[in-house]
Amino acid sequence: MRDDARTLFASVLGDTEQTALLLDSGGMPLAGSYVDSSGRDIAAEIGAALSGVSTEVARSMRHLSLGAWTALVVETDAATVALAPVTERAFVMLAAGGTVPIGMVRRVLARSVAIAAAWLGRAQ
């Protein structure tokens, strides 16, 4: 992955306790990074774990007649994970520490989706 892709979300993340990835529907990282406590980028492993999740969320929304999905947020004591579609074949995953307010997570997620959409538009 090119450096500009790896740092795509740096301007919106700043120094916060958050990280963002742009993944295709198969879980392949397209942009962003996810660095673990040892300094290793584990974006590919995170993507593999999330492989197919956007397809399943969209299917569930159709099955329940709830319309198109706009975001999925999962809160735990340790972290908050938020997902949002960018296109039919790409989505943003944002992970934040448990101390980051949910409003901040939602705001950064929305900004990350906008950045990803613009970046994908330029990449095509």
Protein backbone atom coordinates (compact mmCIF):
# COMPACT_ATOMS: atom_id res chain seq x y z
CA MET A 1 0.00 0.00 0.00
CA ARG A 2 1.32 3.46 -0.89
CA ASP A 3 2.13 5.93 1.90
CA ASP A 4 -0.63 8.34 0.81
CA ALA A 5 -3.14 5.50 1.18
CA ARG A 6 -1.69 4.40 4.52
CA THR A 7 -2.05 7.93 5.97
CA LEU A 8 -5.39 8.75 4.29
CA PHE A 9 -7.25 9.34 7.57
CA ALA A 10 -4.43 11.08 9.48
CA SER A 11 -5.98 14.55 9.15
CA VAL A 12 -9.27 13.49 10.73
CA LEU A 13 -7.79 11.17 13.37
CA GLY A 14 -5.15 13.58 14.66
CA ASP A 15 -3.74 12.50 18.01
CA THR A 16 -6.92 10.78 19.18
CA GLU A 17 -7.11 7.22 20.44
CA GLN A 18 -8.62 6.05 17.12
CA THR A 19 -7.65 4.31 13.92
CA ALA A 20 -9.43 3.92 10.59
CA LEU A 21 -9.30 1.55 7.65
CA LEU A 22 -10.91 1.59 4.24
CA LEU A 23 -11.70 -2.02 3.35
CA ASP A 24 -13.25 -3.62 0.30
CA SER A 25 -16.22 -5.94 0.83
CA GLY A 26 -13.84 -8.90 0.93
CA GLY A 27 -11.85 -7.35 3.78
CA MET A 28 -8.83 -6.25 1.72
CA PRO A 29 -7.32 -3.03 3.13
CA LEU A 30 -7.41 -0.23 0.55
CA ALA A 31 -6.25 2.62 2.79
CA GLY A 32 -5.48 3.46 6.38
CA SER A 33 -3.55 1.50 8.95
CA TYR A 34 -4.14 -0.36 12.20
CA VAL A 35 -0.99 -0.44 14.31
CA ASP A 36 -0.95 -2.78 17.32
CA SER A 37 0.85 -2.15 20.62
CA SER A 38 4.08 -3.63 19.24
CA GLY A 39 4.08 -1.21 16.29
CA ARG A 40 3.05 -3.77 13.66
CA ASP A 41 0.41 -2.86 11.07
CA ILE A 42 -2.30 -5.52 11.39
CA ALA A 43 -4.70 -4.00 8.84
CA ALA A 44 -4.75 -7.22 6.78
CA GLU A 45 -5.67 -9.32 9.82
CA ILE A 46 -8.43 -6.88 10.83
CA GLY A 47 -9.71 -6.86 7.26
CA ALA A 48 -9.76 -10.65 7.14
CA ALA A 49 -11.78 -10.76 10.36
CA LEU A 50 -14.29 -8.29 8.87
CA SER A 51 -14.47 -10.02 5.49
CA GLY A 52 -18.06 -10.10 4.30
CA VAL A 53 -19.47 -8.08 7.22
CA SER A 54 -20.73 -5.23 5.01
CA THR A 55 -22.54 -7.73 2.79
CA GLU A 56 -24.15 -9.36 5.82
CA VAL A 57 -25.23 -6.03 7.32
CA ALA A 58 -26.79 -4.98 3.99
CA ARG A 59 -28.54 -8.37 3.71
CA SER A 60 -29.88 -8.09 7.26
CA MET A 61 -31.19 -4.59 6.61
CA ARG A 62 -33.03 -5.81 3.49
CA HIS A 63 -34.40 -8.85 5.34
CA LEU A 64 -35.75 -6.62 8.12
CA SER A 65 -37.06 -4.01 5.62
CA LEU A 66 -35.06 -1.26 7.31
CA GLY A 67 -33.62 0.31 4.15
CA ALA A 68 -29.97 0.84 3.33
CA TRP A 69 -27.43 0.65 6.12
CA THR A 70 -25.62 3.83 7.09
CA ALA A 71 -23.56 2.77 10.12
CA LEU A 72 -23.03 -0.02 12.60
CA VAL A 73 -21.53 0.86 15.99
CA VAL A 74 -20.50 -1.69 18.59
CA GLU A 75 -19.52 -0.41 22.05
CA THR A 76 -17.61 -2.45 24.62
CA ASP A 77 -15.79 -1.50 27.82
CA ALA A 78 -12.44 -1.62 26.01
CA ALA A 79 -13.27 -0.11 22.62
CA THR A 80 -15.86 1.12 20.16
CA VAL A 81 -15.87 -0.22 16.61
CA ALA A 82 -17.87 1.61 13.96
CA LEU A 83 -18.49 0.63 10.34
CA ALA A 84 -20.05 2.64 7.53
CA PRO A 85 -20.40 2.01 3.79
CA VAL A 86 -18.56 4.21 1.30
CA THR A 87 -19.75 2.36 -1.81
CA GLU A 88 -21.44 -0.99 -2.39
CA ARG A 89 -17.98 -2.55 -2.43
CA ALA A 90 -16.09 -0.59 0.23
CA PHE A 91 -16.58 0.47 3.84
CA VAL A 92 -14.75 2.32 6.59
CA MET A 93 -13.92 0.66 9.89
CA LEU A 94 -13.11 2.98 12.79
CA ALA A 95 -11.80 1.67 16.10
CA ALA A 96 -11.62 3.92 19.15
CA GLY A 97 -10.57 3.42 22.74
CA GLY A 98 -13.29 2.99 25.32
CA THR A 99 -12.75 6.51 26.67
CA VAL A 100 -13.54 8.22 23.35
CA PRO A 101 -17.09 9.65 23.47
CA ILE A 102 -19.54 7.99 21.05
CA GLY A 103 -20.39 11.36 19.52
CA MET A 104 -16.74 11.83 18.59
CA VAL A 105 -16.62 8.33 17.11
CA ARG A 106 -19.70 9.04 14.95
CA ARG A 107 -18.29 12.39 13.81
CA VAL A 108 -14.87 10.95 12.89
CA LEU A 109 -16.61 8.05 11.13
CA ALA A 110 -18.66 10.45 8.98
CA ARG A 111 -15.57 12.48 8.11
CA SER A 112 -13.62 9.31 7.32
CA VAL A 113 -16.37 8.14 4.95
CA ALA A 114 -16.25 11.49 3.13
CA ILE A 115 -12.45 11.34 2.83
CA ALA A 116 -12.63 7.74 1.58
CA ALA A 117 -15.30 8.58 -1.00
CA ALA A 118 -13.22 11.46 -2.36
CA TRP A 119 -10.09 9.31 -2.42
CA LEU A 120 -11.85 6.46 -4.22
CA GLY A 121 -13.22 8.95 -6.76
CA ARG A 122 -9.69 10.18 -7.52
CA ALA A 123 -8.26 6.65 -7.63
CA GLN A 124 -10.60 5.53 -10.41
